[in-house]
PDB file of all heavy atoms in Angstrom:
ATOM      1  N   GLY A   1       0.889  -1.190   0.040  1.00  0.00           N
ATOM      2  CA  GLY A   1       0.036  -0.038   0.031  1.00  0.00           C
ATOM      3  C   GLY A   1       0.868   1.249   0.012  1.00  0.00           C
ATOM      4  O   GLY A   1       1.908   1.263  -0.531  1.00  0.00           O
ATOM      5  N   GLY A   2       0.401   2.365   0.666  1.00  0.00           N
ATOM      6  CA  GLY A   2       1.159   3.486   0.802  1.00  0.00           C
ATOM      7  C   GLY A   2       1.142   4.410  -0.413  1.00  0.00           C
ATOM      8  O   GLY A   2       0.312   4.244  -1.298  1.00  0.00           O
ATOM      9  N   GLY A   3       1.979   5.425  -0.365  1.00  0.00           N
ATOM     10  CA  GLY A   3       2.040   6.420  -1.432  1.00  0.00           C
ATOM     11  C   GLY A   3       1.440   7.703  -0.971  1.00  0.00           C
ATOM     12  O   GLY A   3       1.157   7.909   0.272  1.00  0.00           O
ATOM     13  N   GLN A   4       1.107   8.566  -1.865  1.00  0.00           N
ATOM     14  CA  GLN A   4       0.532   9.853  -1.592  1.00  0.00           C
ATOM     15  C   GLN A   4      -0.365  10.290  -2.667  1.00  0.00           C
ATOM     16  O   GLN A   4      -0.163   9.951  -3.896  1.00  0.00           O
ATOM     17  CB  GLN A   4       1.712  10.863  -1.441  1.00  0.00           C
ATOM     18  CG  GLN A   4       1.300  12.319  -0.978  1.00  0.00           C
ATOM     19  CD  GLN A   4       2.450  13.183  -0.827  1.00  0.00           C
ATOM     20  OE1 GLN A   4       3.368  13.250  -1.679  1.00  0.00           O
ATOM     21  NE2 GLN A   4       2.563  13.938   0.319  1.00  0.00           N
ATOM     22  N   MET A   5      -1.350  11.116  -2.398  1.00  0.00           N
ATOM     23  CA  MET A   5      -2.178  11.710  -3.374  1.00  0.00           C
ATOM     24  C   MET A   5      -2.192  13.242  -3.192  1.00  0.00           C
ATOM     25  O   MET A   5      -2.306  13.698  -2.027  1.00  0.00           O
ATOM     26  CB  MET A   5      -3.597  11.206  -3.400  1.00  0.00           C
ATOM     27  CG  MET A   5      -4.500  11.844  -4.451  1.00  0.00           C
ATOM     28  SD  MET A   5      -6.324  11.366  -4.316  1.00  0.00           S
ATOM     29  CE  MET A   5      -6.241   9.624  -4.068  1.00  0.00           C
ATOM     30  N   LEU A   6      -2.020  13.988  -4.239  1.00  0.00           N
ATOM     31  CA  LEU A   6      -2.123  15.427  -4.164  1.00  0.00           C
ATOM     32  C   LEU A   6      -3.351  15.894  -4.905  1.00  0.00           C
ATOM     33  O   LEU A   6      -3.607  15.513  -6.082  1.00  0.00           O
ATOM     34  CB  LEU A   6      -0.877  16.139  -4.870  1.00  0.00           C
ATOM     35  CG  LEU A   6       0.465  15.611  -4.330  1.00  0.00           C
ATOM     36  CD1 LEU A   6       1.549  16.305  -5.145  1.00  0.00           C
ATOM     37  CD2 LEU A   6       0.642  15.837  -2.861  1.00  0.00           C
ATOM     38  N   ILE A   7      -4.115  16.841  -4.286  1.00  0.00           N
ATOM     39  CA  ILE A   7      -5.348  17.414  -4.931  1.00  0.00           C
ATOM     40  C   ILE A   7      -5.038  18.855  -4.945  1.00  0.00           C
ATOM     41  O   ILE A   7      -5.002  19.575  -3.922  1.00  0.00           O
ATOM     42  CB  ILE A   7      -6.606  17.110  -4.186  1.00  0.00           C
ATOM     43  CG1 ILE A   7      -6.838  15.526  -4.098  1.00  0.00           C
ATOM     44  CG2 ILE A   7      -7.805  17.767  -4.819  1.00  0.00           C
ATOM     45  CD1 ILE A   7      -7.911  15.143  -3.146  1.00  0.00           C
ATOM     46  N   CYS A   8      -4.841  19.457  -6.136  1.00  0.00           N
ATOM     47  CA  CYS A   8      -4.451  20.853  -6.262  1.00  0.00           C
ATOM     48  C   CYS A   8      -5.687  21.721  -6.096  1.00  0.00           C
ATOM     49  O   CYS A   8      -6.702  21.478  -6.773  1.00  0.00           O
ATOM     50  CB  CYS A   8      -3.789  21.086  -7.640  1.00  0.00           C
ATOM     51  SG  CYS A   8      -2.387  19.981  -7.929  1.00  0.00           S
ATOM     52  N   VAL A   9      -5.591  22.746  -5.225  1.00  0.00           N
ATOM     53  CA  VAL A   9      -6.763  23.625  -4.936  1.00  0.00           C
ATOM     54  C   VAL A   9      -6.542  25.072  -5.161  1.00  0.00           C
ATOM     55  O   VAL A   9      -7.531  25.814  -5.092  1.00  0.00           O
ATOM     56  CB  VAL A   9      -7.252  23.377  -3.440  1.00  0.00           C
ATOM     57  CG1 VAL A   9      -7.681  21.932  -3.186  1.00  0.00           C
ATOM     58  CG2 VAL A   9      -6.123  23.730  -2.441  1.00  0.00           C
ATOM     59  N   TYR A  10      -5.319  25.495  -5.449  1.00  0.00           N
ATOM     60  CA  TYR A  10      -5.083  26.880  -5.753  1.00  0.00           C
ATOM     61  C   TYR A  10      -3.764  27.122  -6.402  1.00  0.00           C
ATOM     62  O   TYR A  10      -2.743  26.486  -6.108  1.00  0.00           O
ATOM     63  CB  TYR A  10      -5.122  27.750  -4.409  1.00  0.00           C
ATOM     64  CG  TYR A  10      -4.919  29.216  -4.657  1.00  0.00           C
ATOM     65  CD1 TYR A  10      -6.021  30.044  -4.829  1.00  0.00           C
ATOM     66  CD2 TYR A  10      -3.657  29.767  -4.655  1.00  0.00           C
ATOM     67  CE1 TYR A  10      -5.887  31.420  -5.113  1.00  0.00           C
ATOM     68  CE2 TYR A  10      -3.511  31.144  -4.874  1.00  0.00           C
ATOM     69  CZ  TYR A  10      -4.655  31.908  -5.097  1.00  0.00           C
ATOM     70  OH  TYR A  10      -4.453  33.242  -5.434  1.00  0.00           O
ATOM     71  N   GLY A  11      -3.778  28.078  -7.397  1.00  0.00           N
ATOM     72  CA  GLY A  11      -2.516  28.485  -8.021  1.00  0.00           C
ATOM     73  C   GLY A  11      -1.921  27.531  -9.007  1.00  0.00           C
ATOM     74  O   GLY A  11      -2.663  26.610  -9.580  1.00  0.00           O
ATOM     75  N   GLU A  12      -0.692  27.664  -9.301  1.00  0.00           N
ATOM     76  CA  GLU A  12       0.035  26.840 -10.224  1.00  0.00           C
ATOM     77  C   GLU A  12       1.281  26.194  -9.612  1.00  0.00           C
ATOM     78  O   GLU A  12       1.972  26.877  -8.796  1.00  0.00           O
ATOM     79  CB  GLU A  12       0.407  27.592 -11.448  1.00  0.00           C
ATOM     80  CG  GLU A  12      -0.797  28.027 -12.246  1.00  0.00           C
ATOM     81  CD  GLU A  12      -0.345  28.746 -13.556  1.00  0.00           C
ATOM     82  OE1 GLU A  12       0.623  28.314 -14.215  1.00  0.00           O
ATOM     83  OE2 GLU A  12      -1.048  29.773 -13.952  1.00  0.00           O
ATOM     84  N   GLY A  13       1.579  24.992  -9.967  1.00  0.00           N
ATOM     85  CA  GLY A  13       2.782  24.346  -9.438  1.00  0.00           C
ATOM     86  C   GLY A  13       3.312  23.298 -10.281  1.00  0.00           C
ATOM     87  O   GLY A  13       2.972  23.238 -11.537  1.00  0.00           O
ATOM     88  N   TRP A  14       4.213  22.502  -9.751  1.00  0.00           N
ATOM     89  CA  TRP A  14       4.898  21.433 -10.559  1.00  0.00           C
ATOM     90  C   TRP A  14       4.997  20.164  -9.738  1.00  0.00           C
ATOM     91  O   TRP A  14       5.027  20.172  -8.503  1.00  0.00           O
ATOM     92  CB  TRP A  14       6.325  21.857 -10.910  1.00  0.00           C
ATOM     93  CG  TRP A  14       6.357  22.967 -11.833  1.00  0.00           C
ATOM     94  CD1 TRP A  14       6.512  24.308 -11.486  1.00  0.00           C
ATOM     95  CD2 TRP A  14       6.178  22.983 -13.209  1.00  0.00           C
ATOM     96  NE1 TRP A  14       6.538  25.099 -12.622  1.00  0.00           N
ATOM     97  CE2 TRP A  14       6.345  24.283 -13.756  1.00  0.00           C
ATOM     98  CE3 TRP A  14       5.990  21.927 -14.181  1.00  0.00           C
ATOM     99  CZ2 TRP A  14       6.178  24.610 -15.059  1.00  0.00           C
ATOM    100  CZ3 TRP A  14       5.945  22.274 -15.508  1.00  0.00           C
ATOM    101  CH2 TRP A  14       6.019  23.575 -15.976  1.00  0.00           C
ATOM    102  N   TYR A  15       5.034  19.020 -10.458  1.00  0.00           N
ATOM    103  CA  TYR A  15       5.225  17.710  -9.810  1.00  0.00           C
ATOM    104  C   TYR A  15       6.160  16.959 -10.875  1.00  0.00           C
ATOM    105  O   TYR A  15       5.993  17.023 -12.073  1.00  0.00           O
ATOM    106  CB  TYR A  15       3.983  16.906  -9.737  1.00  0.00           C
ATOM    107  CG  TYR A  15       4.179  15.480  -9.429  1.00  0.00           C
ATOM    108  CD1 TYR A  15       4.559  15.045  -8.194  1.00  0.00           C
ATOM    109  CD2 TYR A  15       4.084  14.469 -10.502  1.00  0.00           C
ATOM    110  CE1 TYR A  15       4.710  13.709  -7.910  1.00  0.00           C
ATOM    111  CE2 TYR A  15       4.312  13.182 -10.257  1.00  0.00           C
ATOM    112  CZ  TYR A  15       4.654  12.775  -8.981  1.00  0.00           C
ATOM    113  OH  TYR A  15       4.935  11.468  -8.761  1.00  0.00           O
ATOM    114  N   GLN A  16       7.171  16.305 -10.265  1.00  0.00           N
ATOM    115  CA  GLN A  16       8.074  15.566 -11.147  1.00  0.00           C
ATOM    116  C   GLN A  16       8.517  14.218 -10.428  1.00  0.00           C
ATOM    117  O   GLN A  16       8.849  14.281  -9.267  1.00  0.00           O
ATOM    118  CB  GLN A  16       9.289  16.366 -11.474  1.00  0.00           C
ATOM    119  CG  GLN A  16      10.254  15.767 -12.444  1.00  0.00           C
ATOM    120  CD  GLN A  16      11.396  16.640 -12.911  1.00  0.00           C
ATOM    121  OE1 GLN A  16      11.698  17.677 -12.246  1.00  0.00           O
ATOM    122  NE2 GLN A  16      11.995  16.275 -13.978  1.00  0.00           N
ATOM    123  N   GLU A  17       8.498  13.230 -11.249  1.00  0.00           N
ATOM    124  CA  GLU A  17       9.061  11.906 -10.780  1.00  0.00           C
ATOM    125  C   GLU A  17      10.482  11.872 -11.382  1.00  0.00           C
ATOM    126  O   GLU A  17      10.728  12.292 -12.448  1.00  0.00           O
ATOM    127  CB  GLU A  17       8.248  10.748 -11.319  1.00  0.00           C
ATOM    128  CG  GLU A  17       6.926  10.697 -10.630  1.00  0.00           C
ATOM    129  CD  GLU A  17       6.005   9.525 -11.114  1.00  0.00           C
ATOM    130  OE1 GLU A  17       6.517   8.687 -11.884  1.00  0.00           O
ATOM    131  OE2 GLU A  17       4.899   9.435 -10.706  1.00  0.00           O
ATOM    132  N   TRP A  18      11.346  11.157 -10.579  1.00  0.00           N
ATOM    133  CA  TRP A  18      12.702  10.989 -11.050  1.00  0.00           C
ATOM    134  C   TRP A  18      12.821  10.444 -12.454  1.00  0.00           C
ATOM    135  O   TRP A  18      12.187   9.409 -12.684  1.00  0.00           O
ATOM    136  CB  TRP A  18      13.427  10.058 -10.056  1.00  0.00           C
ATOM    137  CG  TRP A  18      14.857   9.999 -10.227  1.00  0.00           C
ATOM    138  CD1 TRP A  18      15.613   9.041 -10.813  1.00  0.00           C
ATOM    139  CD2 TRP A  18      15.868  10.947  -9.697  1.00  0.00           C
ATOM    140  NE1 TRP A  18      16.963   9.272 -10.758  1.00  0.00           N
ATOM    141  CE2 TRP A  18      17.084  10.478 -10.060  1.00  0.00           C
ATOM    142  CE3 TRP A  18      15.817  12.154  -9.016  1.00  0.00           C
ATOM    143  CZ2 TRP A  18      18.301  11.154  -9.805  1.00  0.00           C
ATOM    144  CZ3 TRP A  18      16.932  12.818  -8.729  1.00  0.00           C
ATOM    145  CH2 TRP A  18      18.146  12.374  -9.094  1.00  0.00           C
ATOM    146  N   GLY A  19      13.655  10.996 -13.270  1.00  0.00           N
ATOM    147  CA  GLY A  19      13.833  10.519 -14.659  1.00  0.00           C
ATOM    148  C   GLY A  19      12.676  10.844 -15.653  1.00  0.00           C
ATOM    149  O   GLY A  19      12.717  10.370 -16.753  1.00  0.00           O
ATOM    150  N   LYS A  20      11.690  11.612 -15.241  1.00  0.00           N
ATOM    151  CA  LYS A  20      10.575  11.985 -16.076  1.00  0.00           C
ATOM    152  C   LYS A  20      10.433  13.509 -16.197  1.00  0.00           C
ATOM    153  O   LYS A  20      10.919  14.221 -15.287  1.00  0.00           O
ATOM    154  CB  LYS A  20       9.298  11.369 -15.553  1.00  0.00           C
ATOM    155  CG  LYS A  20       9.225   9.843 -15.588  1.00  0.00           C
ATOM    156  CD  LYS A  20       7.859   9.374 -15.089  1.00  0.00           C
ATOM    157  CE  LYS A  20       7.835   7.826 -15.161  1.00  0.00           C
ATOM    158  NZ  LYS A  20       6.542   7.307 -14.716  1.00  0.00           N
ATOM    159  N   PRO A  21       9.754  13.935 -17.239  1.00  0.00           N
ATOM    160  CA  PRO A  21       9.550  15.390 -17.310  1.00  0.00           C
ATOM    161  C   PRO A  21       8.631  15.974 -16.173  1.00  0.00           C
ATOM    162  O   PRO A  21       7.782  15.194 -15.730  1.00  0.00           O
ATOM    163  CB  PRO A  21       8.871  15.583 -18.672  1.00  0.00           C
ATOM    164  CG  PRO A  21       8.817  14.265 -19.377  1.00  0.00           C
ATOM    165  CD  PRO A  21       9.240  13.206 -18.341  1.00  0.00           C
ATOM    166  N   ALA A  22       8.793  17.180 -15.808  1.00  0.00           N
ATOM    167  CA  ALA A  22       7.907  17.779 -14.842  1.00  0.00           C
ATOM    168  C   ALA A  22       6.524  17.941 -15.411  1.00  0.00           C
ATOM    169  O   ALA A  22       6.423  18.264 -16.667  1.00  0.00           O
ATOM    170  CB  ALA A  22       8.579  19.140 -14.388  1.00  0.00           C
ATOM    171  N   ARG A  23       5.542  17.894 -14.561  1.00  0.00           N
ATOM    172  CA  ARG A  23       4.145  18.106 -14.932  1.00  0.00           C
ATOM    173  C   ARG A  23       3.624  19.397 -14.342  1.00  0.00           C
ATOM    174  O   ARG A  23       3.694  19.583 -13.098  1.00  0.00           O
ATOM    175  CB  ARG A  23       3.332  16.920 -14.439  1.00  0.00           C
ATOM    176  CG  ARG A  23       1.877  17.016 -14.619  1.00  0.00           C
ATOM    177  CD  ARG A  23       1.123  15.845 -14.051  1.00  0.00           C
ATOM    178  NE  ARG A  23      -0.314  16.128 -13.926  1.00  0.00           N
ATOM    179  CZ  ARG A  23      -1.135  15.383 -13.208  1.00  0.00           C
ATOM    180  NH1 ARG A  23      -0.705  14.237 -12.598  1.00  0.00           N
ATOM    181  NH2 ARG A  23      -2.452  15.755 -13.134  1.00  0.00           N
ATOM    182  N   HIS A  24       3.134  20.261 -15.178  1.00  0.00           N
ATOM    183  CA  HIS A  24       2.558  21.537 -14.663  1.00  0.00           C
ATOM    184  C   HIS A  24       1.241  21.241 -13.953  1.00  0.00           C
ATOM    185  O   HIS A  24       0.435  20.460 -14.547  1.00  0.00           O
ATOM    186  CB  HIS A  24       2.360  22.479 -15.877  1.00  0.00           C
ATOM    187  CG  HIS A  24       1.742  23.798 -15.466  1.00  0.00           C
ATOM    188  ND1 HIS A  24       0.465  24.106 -15.776  1.00  0.00           N
ATOM    189  CD2 HIS A  24       2.286  24.840 -14.817  1.00  0.00           C
ATOM    190  CE1 HIS A  24       0.232  25.350 -15.304  1.00  0.00           C
ATOM    191  NE2 HIS A  24       1.314  25.788 -14.732  1.00  0.00           N
ATOM    192  N   LEU A  25       0.965  21.844 -12.800  1.00  0.00           N
ATOM    193  CA  LEU A  25      -0.251  21.634 -12.045  1.00  0.00           C
ATOM    194  C   LEU A  25      -1.019  22.911 -11.913  1.00  0.00           C
ATOM    195  O   LEU A  25      -0.431  23.950 -11.766  1.00  0.00           O
ATOM    196  CB  LEU A  25       0.116  21.055 -10.677  1.00  0.00           C
ATOM    197  CG  LEU A  25       0.892  19.726 -10.626  1.00  0.00           C
ATOM    198  CD1 LEU A  25       1.297  19.379  -9.143  1.00  0.00           C
ATOM    199  CD2 LEU A  25       0.142  18.631 -11.273  1.00  0.00           C
ATOM    200  N   LYS A  26      -2.333  22.735 -11.817  1.00  0.00           N
ATOM    201  CA  LYS A  26      -3.282  23.869 -11.551  1.00  0.00           C
ATOM    202  C   LYS A  26      -4.364  23.372 -10.767  1.00  0.00           C
ATOM    203  O   LYS A  26      -4.576  22.112 -10.620  1.00  0.00           O
ATOM    204  CB  LYS A  26      -3.687  24.509 -12.865  1.00  0.00           C
ATOM    205  CG  LYS A  26      -4.484  23.564 -13.731  1.00  0.00           C
ATOM    206  CD  LYS A  26      -4.709  24.182 -15.121  1.00  0.00           C
ATOM    207  CE  LYS A  26      -5.511  23.296 -16.040  1.00  0.00           C
ATOM    208  NZ  LYS A  26      -5.224  21.938 -16.071  1.00  0.00           N
ATOM    209  N   ALA A  27      -5.196  24.281 -10.188  1.00  0.00           N
ATOM    210  CA  ALA A  27      -6.314  23.905  -9.304  1.00  0.00           C
ATOM    211  C   ALA A  27      -7.219  22.908 -10.079  1.00  0.00           C
ATOM    212  O   ALA A  27      -7.519  23.120 -11.284  1.00  0.00           O
ATOM    213  CB  ALA A  27      -7.139  25.150  -8.949  1.00  0.00           C
ATOM    214  N   GLY A  28      -7.622  21.862  -9.410  1.00  0.00           N
ATOM    215  CA  GLY A  28      -8.389  20.784  -9.975  1.00  0.00           C
ATOM    216  C   GLY A  28      -7.643  19.607 -10.416  1.00  0.00           C
ATOM    217  O   GLY A  28      -8.269  18.466 -10.658  1.00  0.00           O
ATOM    218  N   ASP A  29      -6.377  19.690 -10.565  1.00  0.00           N
ATOM    219  CA  ASP A  29      -5.525  18.525 -10.930  1.00  0.00           C
ATOM    220  C   ASP A  29      -5.338  17.588  -9.746  1.00  0.00           C
ATOM    221  O   ASP A  29      -5.270  18.058  -8.596  1.00  0.00           O
ATOM    222  CB  ASP A  29      -4.180  18.936 -11.391  1.00  0.00           C
ATOM    223  CG  ASP A  29      -4.205  19.634 -12.846  1.00  0.00           C
ATOM    224  OD1 ASP A  29      -5.152  19.439 -13.498  1.00  0.00           O
ATOM    225  OD2 ASP A  29      -3.225  20.269 -13.212  1.00  0.00           O
ATOM    226  N   VAL A  30      -5.187  16.280 -10.062  1.00  0.00           N
ATOM    227  CA  VAL A  30      -4.977  15.248  -9.028  1.00  0.00           C
ATOM    228  C   VAL A  30      -3.705  14.544  -9.441  1.00  0.00           C
ATOM    229  O   VAL A  30      -3.573  14.122 -10.601  1.00  0.00           O
ATOM    230  CB  VAL A  30      -6.156  14.329  -8.870  1.00  0.00           C
ATOM    231  CG1 VAL A  30      -5.897  13.202  -7.914  1.00  0.00           C
ATOM    232  CG2 VAL A  30      -7.405  15.106  -8.443  1.00  0.00           C
ATOM    233  N   VAL A  31      -2.822  14.260  -8.470  1.00  0.00           N
ATOM    234  CA  VAL A  31      -1.623  13.470  -8.729  1.00  0.00           C
ATOM    235  C   VAL A  31      -1.681  12.281  -7.818  1.00  0.00           C
ATOM    236  O   VAL A  31      -1.755  12.426  -6.600  1.00  0.00           O
ATOM    237  CB  VAL A  31      -0.331  14.336  -8.459  1.00  0.00           C
ATOM    238  CG1 VAL A  31       0.858  13.512  -8.705  1.00  0.00           C
ATOM    239  CG2 VAL A  31      -0.369  15.666  -9.245  1.00  0.00           C
ATOM    240  N   ASN A  32      -1.584  11.148  -8.400  1.00  0.00           N
ATOM    241  CA  ASN A  32      -1.497   9.857  -7.629  1.00  0.00           C
ATOM    242  C   ASN A  32      -0.050   9.378  -7.676  1.00  0.00           C
ATOM    243  O   ASN A  32       0.498   9.147  -8.751  1.00  0.00           O
ATOM    244  CB  ASN A  32      -2.341   8.749  -8.274  1.00  0.00           C
ATOM    245  CG  ASN A  32      -3.818   9.094  -8.137  1.00  0.00           C
ATOM    246  OD1 ASN A  32      -4.390   9.015  -6.980  1.00  0.00           O
ATOM    247  ND2 ASN A  32      -4.489   9.529  -9.200  1.00  0.00           N
ATOM    248  N   ILE A  33       0.604   9.348  -6.525  1.00  0.00           N
ATOM    249  CA  ILE A  33       2.012   8.955  -6.416  1.00  0.00           C
ATOM    250  C   ILE A  33       2.098   7.649  -5.805  1.00  0.00           C
ATOM    251  O   ILE A  33       1.813   7.493  -4.542  1.00  0.00           O
ATOM    252  CB  ILE A  33       2.735  10.056  -5.519  1.00  0.00           C
ATOM    253  CG1 ILE A  33       2.478  11.468  -6.064  1.00  0.00           C
ATOM    254  CG2 ILE A  33       4.286   9.721  -5.458  1.00  0.00           C
ATOM    255  CD1 ILE A  33       2.849  12.576  -5.130  1.00  0.00           C
ATOM    256  N   PRO A  34       2.520   6.622  -6.510  1.00  0.00           N
ATOM    257  CA  PRO A  34       2.706   5.318  -5.946  1.00  0.00           C
ATOM    258  C   PRO A  34       3.800   5.308  -4.841  1.00  0.00           C
ATOM    259  O   PRO A  34       4.685   6.184  -4.884  1.00  0.00           O
ATOM    260  CB  PRO A  34       3.081   4.417  -7.112  1.00  0.00           C
ATOM    261  CG  PRO A  34       2.785   5.173  -8.326  1.00  0.00           C
ATOM    262  CD  PRO A  34       2.899   6.665  -7.954  1.00  0.00           C
ATOM    263  N   ALA A  35       3.690   4.361  -3.966  1.00  0.00           N
ATOM    264  CA  ALA A  35       4.786   4.186  -3.027  1.00  0.00           C
ATOM    265  C   ALA A  35       6.113   3.928  -3.719  1.00  0.00           C
ATOM    266  O   ALA A  35       6.069   3.342  -4.811  1.00  0.00           O
ATOM    267  CB  ALA A  35       4.426   2.994  -2.095  1.00  0.00           C
ATOM    268  N   ASN A  36       7.174   4.307  -3.088  1.00  0.00           N
ATOM    269  CA  ASN A  36       8.506   3.943  -3.513  1.00  0.00           C
ATOM    270  C   ASN A  36       8.959   4.725  -4.805  1.00  0.00           C
ATOM    271  O   ASN A  36       9.893   4.231  -5.520  1.00  0.00           O
ATOM    272  CB  ASN A  36       8.757   2.445  -3.664  1.00  0.00           C
ATOM    273  CG  ASN A  36       8.299   1.734  -2.372  1.00  0.00           C
ATOM    274  OD1 ASN A  36       8.742   2.137  -1.320  1.00  0.00           O
ATOM    275  ND2 ASN A  36       7.404   0.789  -2.533  1.00  0.00           N
ATOM    276  N   VAL A  37       8.301   5.855  -5.149  1.00  0.00           N
ATOM    277  CA  VAL A  37       8.643   6.633  -6.352  1.00  0.00           C
ATOM    278  C   VAL A  37       9.292   7.926  -5.840  1.00  0.00           C
ATOM    279  O   VAL A  37       8.655   8.701  -5.114  1.00  0.00           O
ATOM    280  CB  VAL A  37       7.377   6.918  -7.221  1.00  0.00           C
ATOM    281  CG1 VAL A  37       7.665   7.921  -8.310  1.00  0.00           C
ATOM    282  CG2 VAL A  37       6.853   5.654  -7.769  1.00  0.00           C
ATOM    283  N   LYS A  38      10.499   8.188  -6.329  1.00  0.00           N
ATOM    284  CA  LYS A  38      11.180   9.445  -5.969  1.00  0.00           C
ATOM    285  C   LYS A  38      10.539  10.599  -6.757  1.00  0.00           C
ATOM    286  O   LYS A  38      10.362  10.533  -7.998  1.00  0.00           O
ATOM    287  CB  LYS A  38      12.705   9.276  -6.298  1.00  0.00           C
ATOM    288  CG  LYS A  38      13.532  10.381  -5.809  1.00  0.00           C
ATOM    289  CD  LYS A  38      15.009  10.083  -6.037  1.00  0.00           C
ATOM    290  CE  LYS A  38      15.911  11.157  -5.458  1.00  0.00           C
ATOM    291  NZ  LYS A  38      17.341  10.776  -5.652  1.00  0.00           N
ATOM    292  N   HIS A  39      10.255  11.668  -6.025  1.00  0.00           N
ATOM    293  CA  HIS A  39       9.507  12.733  -6.674  1.00  0.00           C
ATOM    294  C   HIS A  39       9.722  14.045  -5.859  1.00  0.00           C
ATOM    295  O   HIS A  39      10.233  14.039  -4.800  1.00  0.00           O
ATOM    296  CB  HIS A  39       7.989  12.490  -6.832  1.00  0.00           C
ATOM    297  CG  HIS A  39       7.383  12.366  -5.506  1.00  0.00           C
ATOM    298  ND1 HIS A  39       7.448  11.227  -4.660  1.00  0.00           N
ATOM    299  CD2 HIS A  39       6.633  13.237  -4.800  1.00  0.00           C
ATOM    300  CE1 HIS A  39       6.813  11.458  -3.555  1.00  0.00           C
ATOM    301  NE2 HIS A  39       6.217  12.633  -3.610  1.00  0.00           N
ATOM    302  N   TRP A  40       9.242  15.176  -6.449  1.00  0.00           N
ATOM    303  CA  TRP A  40       9.139  16.467  -5.718  1.00  0.00           C
ATOM    304  C   TRP A  40       7.940  17.181  -6.231  1.00  0.00           C
ATOM    305  O   TRP A  40       7.405  16.824  -7.254  1.00  0.00           O
ATOM    306  CB  TRP A  40      10.427  17.348  -5.903  1.00  0.00           C
ATOM    307  CG  TRP A  40      10.574  17.896  -7.276  1.00  0.00           C
ATOM    308  CD1 TRP A  40      11.223  17.294  -8.317  1.00  0.00           C
ATOM    309  CD2 TRP A  40      10.067  19.081  -7.796  1.00  0.00           C
ATOM    310  NE1 TRP A  40      11.185  18.052  -9.425  1.00  0.00           N
ATOM    311  CE2 TRP A  40      10.524  19.228  -9.113  1.00  0.00           C
ATOM    312  CE3 TRP A  40       9.326  20.194  -7.244  1.00  0.00           C
ATOM    313  CZ2 TRP A  40      10.222  20.341  -9.929  1.00  0.00           C
ATOM    314  CZ3 TRP A  40       9.058  21.312  -8.025  1.00  0.00           C
ATOM    315  CH2 TRP A  40       9.484  21.337  -9.402  1.00  0.00           C
ATOM    316  N   HIS A  41       7.453  18.223  -5.466  1.00  0.00           N
ATOM    317  CA  HIS A  41       6.348  19.064  -5.917  1.00  0.00           C
ATOM    318  C   HIS A  41       6.500  20.425  -5.201  1.00  0.00           C
ATOM    319  O   HIS A  41       7.135  20.563  -4.209  1.00  0.00           O
ATOM    320  CB  HIS A  41       4.953  18.412  -5.568  1.00  0.00           C
ATOM    321  CG  HIS A  41       4.927  17.606  -4.363  1.00  0.00           C
ATOM    322  ND1 HIS A  41       4.291  18.070  -3.213  1.00  0.00           N
ATOM    323  CD2 HIS A  41       5.296  16.323  -4.152  1.00  0.00           C
ATOM    324  CE1 HIS A  41       4.394  17.100  -2.267  1.00  0.00           C
ATOM    325  NE2 HIS A  41       4.928  16.046  -2.786  1.00  0.00           N
ATOM    326  N   GLY A  42       5.844  21.392  -5.923  1.00  0.00           N
ATOM    327  CA  GLY A  42       5.964  22.748  -5.301  1.00  0.00           C
ATOM    328  C   GLY A  42       5.390  23.781  -6.287  1.00  0.00           C
ATOM    329  O   GLY A  42       4.763  23.427  -7.275  1.00  0.00           O
TER     330      GLY A  42
END
């Protein structure tokens, strides 16, 4: 199990998994992050 879910509620941001392109985020976007995946957001 495990992992994380992000539900974007305001503004604009970024999410990126290691070795993949960054994904632009805005209010209404949902990010499902599986367990054991290296990533950042902001």
